[in-house]
Amino acid sequence: MTQESVMLMCNNCGMQRAHSARFIGNWLLKDAETSADE
């Protein structure tokens, strides 16, 4: 999933920007860790 997709999901769910930014930050950290493991 791309960062753009995550942004669209957050917008579609009507999340607040602060919440979305925090969610995306956590998702990117997890994605980075997953990529490092591969």
Protein backbone atom coordinates (compact mmCIF):
# COMPACT_ATOMS: atom_id res chain seq x y z
CA MET A 1 0.00 0.00 0.00
CA THR A 2 1.30 3.46 -0.85
CA GLN A 3 1.32 6.51 1.39
CA GLU A 4 -1.20 8.08 -1.00
CA SER A 5 -3.57 5.15 -0.44
CA VAL A 6 -3.31 5.59 3.31
CA MET A 7 -4.08 9.30 2.95
CA LEU A 8 -7.16 8.50 0.88
CA MET A 9 -8.36 5.93 3.41
CA CYS A 10 -7.99 8.43 6.24
CA ASN A 11 -9.86 11.09 4.29
CA ASN A 12 -12.65 8.67 3.36
CA CYS A 13 -13.04 7.66 6.99
CA GLY A 14 -13.32 11.32 7.96
CA MET A 15 -10.47 11.12 10.46
CA GLN A 16 -9.09 14.34 11.87
CA ARG A 17 -5.81 15.43 10.30
CA ALA A 18 -3.88 15.11 13.56
CA HIS A 19 -5.16 11.55 14.01
CA SER A 20 -4.40 10.73 10.37
CA ALA A 21 -0.87 12.11 10.62
CA ARG A 22 -0.22 10.02 13.73
CA PHE A 23 -1.67 6.91 12.09
CA ILE A 24 0.37 7.44 8.92
CA GLY A 25 3.52 8.03 10.99
CA ASN A 26 3.00 4.74 12.80
CA TRP A 27 2.19 2.94 9.54
CA LEU A 28 5.33 4.29 7.85
CA LEU A 29 7.44 3.17 10.82
CA LYS A 30 5.97 -0.34 10.64
CA ASP A 31 6.41 -0.39 6.86
CA ALA A 32 10.05 0.66 7.23
CA GLU A 33 10.67 -2.09 9.78
CA THR A 34 9.02 -4.65 7.51
CA SER A 35 11.12 -3.53 4.55
CA ALA A 36 14.28 -3.75 6.65
CA ASP A 37 13.44 -7.34 7.60
CA GLU A 38 13.00 -8.45 3.99
